Amino acid sequence: MNLKAILMVASATVIASCSSKEVPQTPAEALIDRLESLVDQGSIMFGHQDTYLYGHSWKIASDAQTYDRTDIKDVAGAYPAFSGMDLGGIELDSPVNIDNNDFNHMRASAVAHHLRGGVVSFSWHLRNPLTGGDTWDTSSTEVVASILPGGQKHEMFMGWLSKAADYLESIRTPEGELVPVIFRPWHEHTRNFFWWGLDLCTKEQYVALWRMTYDYMTVERGLDHLVWAYSPDAGGLFVPEDFSDRYPGDDIIDLVGIDFYQFTPADTFIEKMRSSLDMTMAFAKEHGKLMAVTETGCEGIKNPEWWTKVLYPSIKGYPVSYVLLWRNACDENMQHHFYGPFPGHESAEDFKAFAALEDIMFL
């Protein structure tokens, strides 16, 4: 065999050897695989916002060292499989977020939940960078334009992104491993609740905002533990185009979901939820994405059988990776603002029956 042939064989051997070695998964890829496996098994993770930080009648102590109480566990005897929190306030270097949760407790509870086998998500109700108002300040249609490249608030906003990235990167196990996080910015954009809403920016501006956020965190900062979730609001006249019209792109989105709360009679809610999930499922299948109910609930849970007679019939049979119920406020002036059960609530027994369903997952 001549030298050229020997070199070709050696080269082929090296290439084959390299290609046979699996590239280590990123934390985000591992979480996506896990969620896909759970969906294949027919499991739906049950989630609750701020679940370890406060409940309907309690708040975590400032010096707490453990994260083992939730209203959900107090009722069902098991932890929710999914825990949601919000980054609002991190952009201002605040020690607490918009719901007065200490960011250190949030980080520690996220790690504890991960080590318990759960999944963590973060949304971001950040301030209005142009007006100085809050997330709900929709007084200007120039906010998104002002933070895109060339805008008057671009540099300031990139600093905000840096602070959010720093925090997300700090969520690590005691061994220093990054905790995978489902990151859900710029949500409910199909309505006009927030300064990035439907009539507050153009389609091109909204997509540019998404891509700028992703590029900074994933490309520039190299954060490989973020699973990116896109979640329009399914209220109002929700149609399939609401998914596709401002969709940022398959290359940066991992999961699609809907935010949809009950403001109508149960039968109407169930019908609308299932119709919205039909659209979500069709879009998710077409684009090869996971799907979820990224926010839902009925404020005050007025139906004692809401869990088995309203929520479950609305999601049953769909390949939903998780369903996230909103928070149980502990403020004295917001005693009606709760979305999960707590001991003594009239829906507690029904929630236990819901938690015992084979396809609903708790820890």
Protein backbone atom coordinates (compact mmCIF):
# COMPACT_ATOMS: atom_id res chain seq x y z
CA MET A 1 0.00 0.00 0.00
CA ASN A 2 1.46 3.38 -0.97
CA LEU A 3 1.75 6.35 1.42
CA LYS A 4 -1.31 8.13 -0.03
CA ALA A 5 -3.50 5.07 0.52
CA ILE A 6 -2.18 4.63 4.06
CA LEU A 7 -2.98 8.27 4.89
CA MET A 8 -6.49 7.94 3.43
CA VAL A 9 -7.20 4.84 5.52
CA ALA A 10 -5.83 6.51 8.65
CA SER A 11 -7.90 9.62 8.01
CA ALA A 12 -11.06 7.56 7.49
CA THR A 13 -10.37 5.68 10.71
CA VAL A 14 -9.98 8.89 12.69
CA ILE A 15 -13.18 10.35 11.23
CA ALA A 16 -15.13 7.18 11.97
CA SER A 17 -13.77 7.11 15.49
CA CYS A 18 -14.72 10.72 16.11
CA SER A 19 -18.18 10.34 14.60
CA SER A 20 -18.89 7.31 16.78
CA LYS A 21 -18.38 9.34 19.94
CA GLU A 22 -21.50 11.05 21.19
CA VAL A 23 -21.23 14.78 21.75
CA PRO A 24 -22.25 15.50 25.35
CA GLN A 25 -25.75 16.90 25.67
CA THR A 26 -26.23 20.43 26.89
CA PRO A 27 -28.48 20.87 29.94
CA ALA A 28 -31.16 22.30 27.63
CA GLU A 29 -30.98 19.31 25.27
CA ALA A 30 -31.21 16.91 28.20
CA LEU A 31 -34.33 18.67 29.50
CA ILE A 32 -35.95 18.67 26.07
CA ASP A 33 -35.29 14.92 25.77
CA ARG A 34 -36.77 14.35 29.20
CA LEU A 35 -39.92 16.34 28.41
CA GLU A 36 -40.33 14.51 25.10
CA SER A 37 -40.01 11.19 26.93
CA LEU A 38 -42.66 12.19 29.46
CA VAL A 39 -44.99 13.27 26.66
CA ASP A 40 -44.45 9.91 24.94
CA GLN A 41 -45.46 8.25 28.20
CA GLY A 42 -48.61 10.38 28.36
CA SER A 43 -47.50 12.31 31.46
CA ILE A 44 -48.44 15.95 32.08
CA MET A 45 -46.34 17.78 34.67
CA PHE A 46 -48.43 19.82 37.09
CA GLY A 47 -46.93 23.20 37.89
CA HIS A 48 -47.55 26.14 40.24
CA GLN A 49 -46.11 29.65 40.17
CA ASP A 50 -43.94 30.73 43.15
CA THR A 51 -44.92 27.51 44.88
CA TYR A 52 -42.04 27.37 47.41
CA LEU A 53 -41.94 31.08 48.20
CA TYR A 54 -45.38 31.67 49.70
CA GLY A 55 -48.86 30.26 49.93
CA HIS A 56 -52.36 31.54 50.59
CA SER A 57 -51.65 32.20 54.27
CA TRP A 58 -47.86 31.96 54.65
CA LYS A 59 -44.59 33.32 53.31
CA ILE A 60 -41.16 31.79 53.44
CA ALA A 61 -38.98 33.03 56.28
CA SER A 62 -36.19 35.42 55.35
CA ASP A 63 -33.63 33.06 56.91
CA ALA A 64 -35.09 29.85 55.42
CA GLN A 65 -32.58 27.18 54.49
CA THR A 66 -34.93 24.55 53.07
CA TYR A 67 -37.65 24.63 50.46
CA ASP A 68 -40.10 21.92 51.34
CA ARG A 69 -43.42 23.68 51.91
CA THR A 70 -45.98 24.46 49.21
CA ASP A 71 -49.76 24.80 49.32
CA ILE A 72 -49.79 22.03 46.72
CA LYS A 73 -47.93 19.56 48.92
CA ASP A 74 -49.99 20.59 51.95
CA VAL A 75 -53.10 19.46 50.06
CA ALA A 76 -51.94 16.62 47.79
CA GLY A 77 -49.06 15.24 49.82
CA ALA A 78 -46.70 15.61 46.85
CA TYR A 79 -44.67 18.41 45.31
CA PRO A 80 -45.70 19.94 42.00
CA ALA A 81 -43.49 18.61 39.22
CA PHE A 82 -43.09 22.05 37.71
CA SER A 83 -42.18 25.34 39.41
CA GLY A 84 -42.59 28.75 37.76
CA MET A 85 -41.04 32.06 38.83
CA ASP A 86 -40.50 35.53 37.38
CA LEU A 87 -37.39 37.67 36.80
CA GLY A 88 -39.17 41.03 36.97
CA GLY A 89 -36.94 43.41 38.97
CA ILE A 90 -33.62 41.74 38.15
CA GLU A 91 -33.04 44.43 35.51
CA LEU A 92 -33.04 47.10 38.25
CA ASP A 93 -30.68 45.23 40.60
CA SER A 94 -33.59 44.84 43.01
CA PRO A 95 -33.09 42.25 45.78
CA VAL A 96 -36.70 41.13 45.26
CA ASN A 97 -38.86 40.54 42.19
CA ILE A 98 -42.21 42.08 41.27
CA ASP A 99 -44.01 39.79 43.74
CA ASN A 100 -41.56 40.67 46.52
CA ASN A 101 -39.74 37.34 46.29
CA ASP A 102 -36.10 37.40 47.33
CA PHE A 103 -33.95 36.50 44.32
CA ASN A 104 -31.63 34.44 46.53
CA HIS A 105 -34.56 32.33 47.74
CA MET A 106 -35.77 32.01 44.17
CA ARG A 107 -32.38 30.68 43.06
CA ALA A 108 -32.11 28.28 45.99
CA SER A 109 -35.66 27.00 45.54
CA ALA A 110 -35.01 26.42 41.83
CA VAL A 111 -31.98 24.29 42.69
CA ALA A 112 -33.89 22.40 45.38
CA HIS A 113 -36.74 21.71 42.97
CA HIS A 114 -34.34 20.52 40.28
CA LEU A 115 -32.57 18.17 42.70
CA ARG A 116 -36.00 16.87 43.72
CA GLY A 117 -36.59 15.88 40.10
CA GLY A 118 -38.67 18.86 39.03
CA VAL A 119 -38.51 21.36 36.18
CA VAL A 120 -38.16 25.14 36.56
CA SER A 121 -39.33 28.01 34.38
CA PHE A 122 -38.89 31.78 34.43
CA SER A 123 -40.99 34.46 32.79
CA TRP A 124 -39.94 38.13 32.84
CA HIS A 125 -42.30 41.00 33.66
CA LEU A 126 -39.64 43.67 33.28
CA ARG A 127 -39.96 47.44 33.51
CA ASN A 128 -40.77 49.65 30.55
CA PRO A 129 -37.27 50.77 29.45
CA LEU A 130 -38.51 53.84 27.59
CA THR A 131 -41.05 55.36 29.99
CA GLY A 132 -39.79 54.00 33.29
CA GLY A 133 -43.20 52.50 33.98
CA ASP A 134 -43.97 48.88 34.71
CA THR A 135 -44.59 45.98 32.33
CA TRP A 136 -48.21 47.01 31.97
CA ASP A 137 -47.32 50.57 30.87
CA THR A 138 -48.58 50.54 27.28
CA SER A 139 -48.56 54.32 26.84
CA SER A 140 -46.05 54.27 23.98
CA THR A 141 -45.72 52.34 20.73
CA GLU A 142 -42.01 53.16 20.54
CA VAL A 143 -40.69 51.00 23.38
CA VAL A 144 -39.57 47.97 21.37
CA ALA A 145 -38.08 50.21 18.68
CA SER A 146 -36.14 52.08 21.37
CA ILE A 147 -34.29 48.97 22.58
CA LEU A 148 -33.43 47.43 19.23
CA PRO A 149 -29.98 48.17 17.75
CA GLY A 150 -29.77 51.88 17.00
CA GLY A 151 -32.54 52.76 19.44
CA GLN A 152 -32.05 55.33 22.19
CA LYS A 153 -32.43 52.72 24.95
CA HIS A 154 -30.52 49.88 23.27
CA GLU A 155 -27.38 50.06 25.40
CA MET A 156 -29.38 50.33 28.61
CA PHE A 157 -31.52 47.35 27.63
CA MET A 158 -28.50 45.24 26.75
CA GLY A 159 -27.36 45.91 30.31
CA TRP A 160 -30.72 44.58 31.49
CA LEU A 161 -30.24 41.46 29.41
CA SER A 162 -26.80 41.04 30.94
CA LYS A 163 -28.26 41.12 34.45
CA ALA A 164 -30.92 38.55 33.53
CA ALA A 165 -28.27 36.33 31.95
CA ASP A 166 -26.03 36.65 35.01
CA TYR A 167 -28.87 35.51 37.25
CA LEU A 168 -29.93 32.60 35.06
CA GLU A 169 -26.30 31.51 34.82
CA SER A 170 -26.02 31.56 38.61
CA ILE A 171 -28.67 28.86 39.09
CA ARG A 172 -26.36 25.93 39.73
CA THR A 173 -26.25 22.79 41.83
CA PRO A 174 -23.80 22.59 44.77
CA GLU A 175 -21.44 20.82 42.34
CA GLY A 176 -21.57 23.82 40.01
CA GLU A 177 -23.73 22.25 37.30
CA LEU A 178 -26.17 24.53 35.53
CA VAL A 179 -29.82 23.87 36.29
CA PRO A 180 -31.83 23.68 33.04
CA VAL A 181 -34.45 26.42 32.86
CA ILE A 182 -37.43 26.97 30.58
CA PHE A 183 -37.14 30.68 29.74
CA ARG A 184 -40.36 32.34 28.58
CA PRO A 185 -39.84 36.01 27.71
CA TRP A 186 -42.11 38.27 25.65
CA HIS A 187 -45.22 36.23 26.44
CA GLU A 188 -48.89 37.01 25.70
CA HIS A 189 -47.82 39.20 22.80
CA THR A 190 -51.07 38.53 20.92
CA ARG A 191 -52.89 40.93 23.26
CA ASN A 192 -52.04 44.41 24.51
CA PHE A 193 -51.30 43.64 28.15
CA PHE A 194 -47.59 44.49 28.01
CA TRP A 195 -45.39 47.04 26.24
CA TRP A 196 -44.35 44.41 23.64
CA GLY A 197 -47.98 43.58 22.81
CA LEU A 198 -49.72 43.25 19.47
CA ASP A 199 -50.51 46.91 18.79
CA LEU A 200 -47.42 48.26 20.56
CA CYS A 201 -44.84 47.08 18.01
CA THR A 202 -44.67 45.76 14.47
CA LYS A 203 -44.24 42.09 13.58
CA GLU A 204 -40.68 42.78 12.46
CA GLN A 205 -39.84 44.59 15.70
CA TYR A 206 -41.25 41.80 17.85
CA VAL A 207 -39.31 39.12 16.00
CA ALA A 208 -36.16 41.26 16.19
CA LEU A 209 -36.65 41.61 19.95
CA TRP A 210 -36.85 37.85 20.33
CA ARG A 211 -33.81 37.19 18.18
CA MET A 212 -31.76 39.88 19.92
CA THR A 213 -32.61 38.30 23.28
CA TYR A 214 -31.75 34.80 22.10
CA ASP A 215 -28.56 35.84 20.32
CA TYR A 216 -27.25 37.66 23.37
CA MET A 217 -27.95 34.90 25.85
CA THR A 218 -27.21 31.85 23.75
CA VAL A 219 -24.63 33.03 21.23
CA GLU A 220 -22.79 35.85 22.98
CA ARG A 221 -23.10 34.55 26.55
CA GLY A 222 -23.07 30.87 25.64
CA LEU A 223 -25.88 29.87 27.98
CA ASP A 224 -26.70 26.30 26.98
CA HIS A 225 -29.14 25.51 29.79
CA LEU A 226 -32.08 27.58 28.52
CA VAL A 227 -35.09 25.98 26.83
CA TRP A 228 -36.88 28.74 24.94
CA ALA A 229 -40.68 28.94 25.19
CA TYR A 230 -43.01 30.98 22.98
CA SER A 231 -46.46 31.57 24.45
CA PRO A 232 -49.20 33.72 22.92
CA ASP A 233 -52.33 34.51 24.91
CA ALA A 234 -55.27 32.37 23.78
CA GLY A 235 -57.96 34.74 24.99
CA GLY A 236 -60.04 36.83 22.63
CA LEU A 237 -60.39 35.78 19.02
CA PHE A 238 -57.51 33.31 19.02
CA VAL A 239 -56.77 31.89 15.57
CA PRO A 240 -53.93 29.77 14.09
CA GLU A 241 -52.31 32.88 12.64
CA ASP A 242 -51.66 34.09 16.19
CA PHE A 243 -49.03 31.37 16.44
CA SER A 244 -47.38 31.90 13.08
CA ASP A 245 -47.64 35.64 12.46
CA ARG A 246 -44.96 36.72 14.97
CA TYR A 247 -43.23 33.39 15.48
CA PRO A 248 -39.48 34.09 15.98
CA GLY A 249 -38.30 30.95 14.14
CA ASP A 250 -37.72 27.24 14.60
CA ASP A 251 -34.02 27.79 15.15
CA ILE A 252 -34.55 29.62 18.45
CA ILE A 253 -37.79 28.15 19.85
CA ASP A 254 -38.00 24.81 21.67
CA LEU A 255 -41.51 24.84 23.09
CA VAL A 256 -44.80 26.49 22.17
CA GLY A 257 -47.61 27.05 24.61
CA ILE A 258 -50.65 29.11 25.43
CA ASP A 259 -51.62 31.30 28.35
CA PHE A 260 -55.36 30.93 28.92
CA TYR A 261 -57.40 31.65 32.05
CA GLN A 262 -61.02 30.92 32.83
CA PHE A 263 -63.21 34.02 32.71
CA THR A 264 -66.24 32.29 31.20
CA PRO A 265 -68.59 29.47 32.25
CA ALA A 266 -66.88 26.08 32.54
CA ASP A 267 -68.32 24.60 29.34
CA THR A 268 -67.18 27.61 27.33
CA PHE A 269 -63.71 27.52 28.90
CA ILE A 270 -63.28 23.80 28.18
CA GLU A 271 -64.40 24.24 24.58
CA LYS A 272 -62.10 27.22 24.03
CA MET A 273 -59.15 25.56 25.75
CA ARG A 274 -59.47 22.42 23.62
CA SER A 275 -59.87 24.49 20.46
CA SER A 276 -56.74 26.47 21.39
CA LEU A 277 -54.84 23.28 22.15
CA ASP A 278 -55.89 21.87 18.78
CA MET A 279 -54.18 24.87 17.18
CA THR A 280 -51.18 24.54 19.48
CA MET A 281 -50.81 20.85 18.72
CA ALA A 282 -51.04 21.37 14.97
CA PHE A 283 -48.39 24.10 15.11
CA ALA A 284 -46.14 22.08 17.45
CA LYS A 285 -46.31 19.03 15.20
CA GLU A 286 -45.63 21.05 12.06
CA HIS A 287 -42.59 22.68 13.63
CA GLY A 288 -41.35 19.74 15.68
CA LYS A 289 -41.75 21.47 19.05
CA LEU A 290 -42.89 20.54 22.52
CA MET A 291 -46.18 22.03 23.67
CA ALA A 292 -47.52 23.17 27.05
CA VAL A 293 -50.19 25.14 28.85
CA THR A 294 -47.77 27.83 29.96
CA GLU A 295 -50.27 29.66 32.21
CA THR A 296 -53.82 28.89 33.27
CA GLY A 297 -56.23 28.91 36.19
CA CYS A 298 -59.44 30.28 37.59
CA GLU A 299 -58.92 33.05 40.12
CA GLY A 300 -60.41 32.01 43.44
CA ILE A 301 -61.29 28.47 42.17
CA LYS A 302 -65.02 29.03 42.53
CA ASN A 303 -65.99 25.50 41.47
CA PRO A 304 -65.26 22.85 44.16
CA GLU A 305 -64.74 20.29 41.38
CA TRP A 306 -62.72 22.55 39.11
CA TRP A 307 -59.75 20.21 38.92
CA THR A 308 -61.47 17.05 37.71
CA LYS A 309 -64.48 18.60 35.98
CA VAL A 310 -62.95 21.67 34.32
CA LEU A 311 -59.14 21.64 34.09
CA TYR A 312 -58.67 17.93 33.41
CA PRO A 313 -61.32 17.67 30.66
CA SER A 314 -59.76 20.73 29.00
CA ILE A 315 -56.27 19.17 28.66
CA LYS A 316 -56.96 15.43 28.59
CA GLY A 317 -55.64 13.63 25.53
CA TYR A 318 -53.24 16.35 24.39
CA PRO A 319 -49.44 15.90 24.29
CA VAL A 320 -48.98 18.64 26.87
CA SER A 321 -45.58 18.56 28.58
CA TYR A 322 -46.75 20.68 31.52
CA VAL A 323 -49.59 22.85 32.78
CA LEU A 324 -48.67 25.83 34.97
CA LEU A 325 -51.21 27.25 37.43
CA TRP A 326 -50.62 30.81 38.58
CA ARG A 327 -49.73 31.89 42.09
CA ASN A 328 -51.43 31.89 45.48
CA ALA A 329 -51.03 35.45 46.72
CA CYS A 330 -50.46 35.84 50.45
CA ASP A 331 -51.15 39.59 50.61
CA GLU A 332 -53.99 40.48 52.95
CA ASN A 333 -55.62 42.65 50.29
CA MET A 334 -55.42 39.87 47.67
CA GLN A 335 -57.02 36.96 49.47
CA HIS A 336 -59.10 36.22 46.36
CA HIS A 337 -55.99 36.00 44.16
CA PHE A 338 -55.12 32.30 44.23
CA TYR A 339 -55.07 29.62 41.55
CA GLY A 340 -53.94 26.55 43.46
CA PRO A 341 -55.69 24.80 46.34
CA PHE A 342 -54.69 25.18 49.98
CA PRO A 343 -55.75 23.31 53.13
CA GLY A 344 -59.36 24.02 53.92
CA HIS A 345 -60.33 25.24 50.46
CA GLU A 346 -63.50 23.70 49.10
CA SER A 347 -61.67 22.27 46.08
CA ALA A 348 -58.99 20.48 48.14
CA GLU A 349 -60.61 17.04 47.98
CA ASP A 350 -61.17 17.33 44.25
CA PHE A 351 -57.54 18.36 43.84
CA LYS A 352 -56.45 15.18 45.59
CA ALA A 353 -58.49 13.20 43.07
CA PHE A 354 -56.89 15.19 40.25
CA ALA A 355 -53.40 14.55 41.65
CA ALA A 356 -54.13 10.81 41.74
CA LEU A 357 -54.91 10.65 38.01
CA GLU A 358 -52.47 8.42 36.18
CA ASP A 359 -51.45 10.97 33.56
CA ILE A 360 -50.97 13.94 35.91
CA MET A 361 -47.42 14.09 37.27
CA PHE A 362 -46.32 15.26 40.72
CA LEU A 363 -43.06 14.56 42.55
